[in-house]
Amino acid sequence: MPIYKYATIEPDGSEGEIFEVDQPISSPPLRIHPENGKPVRHLFDAPNINIEYTPGREKSLSDMSKIRKSGFRVLKKDKISGKYFEEK
């Protein structure tokens, strides 16, 4: 379930407490704080995507023998004709 970030709206219009809520995607955004009843606004934040990048991982993912073993065809482009052919 995604975690959404909200901020309370103080009486003077400034941003107050920031809090997070586990909410189903299908549910509407909160309008009031679930505990203190103050109005809230939804804060949009960058998604937290954990992708571990290393040059070794990139090399292993682009290994032609693994690509062929997975059932993909590897094509090369002929520089003169511009046509593609399967590399043997």
Foldseek 3Di string as FASTA:
>chain_A
DDKWKKFFQDPVRDTHDIDIDDDDPPDDDDQADPPPGGGMDTDDDDDDDDDDDDPVVVCVVPPPVVCVVVPDFDWDADPPPRDIDTDD
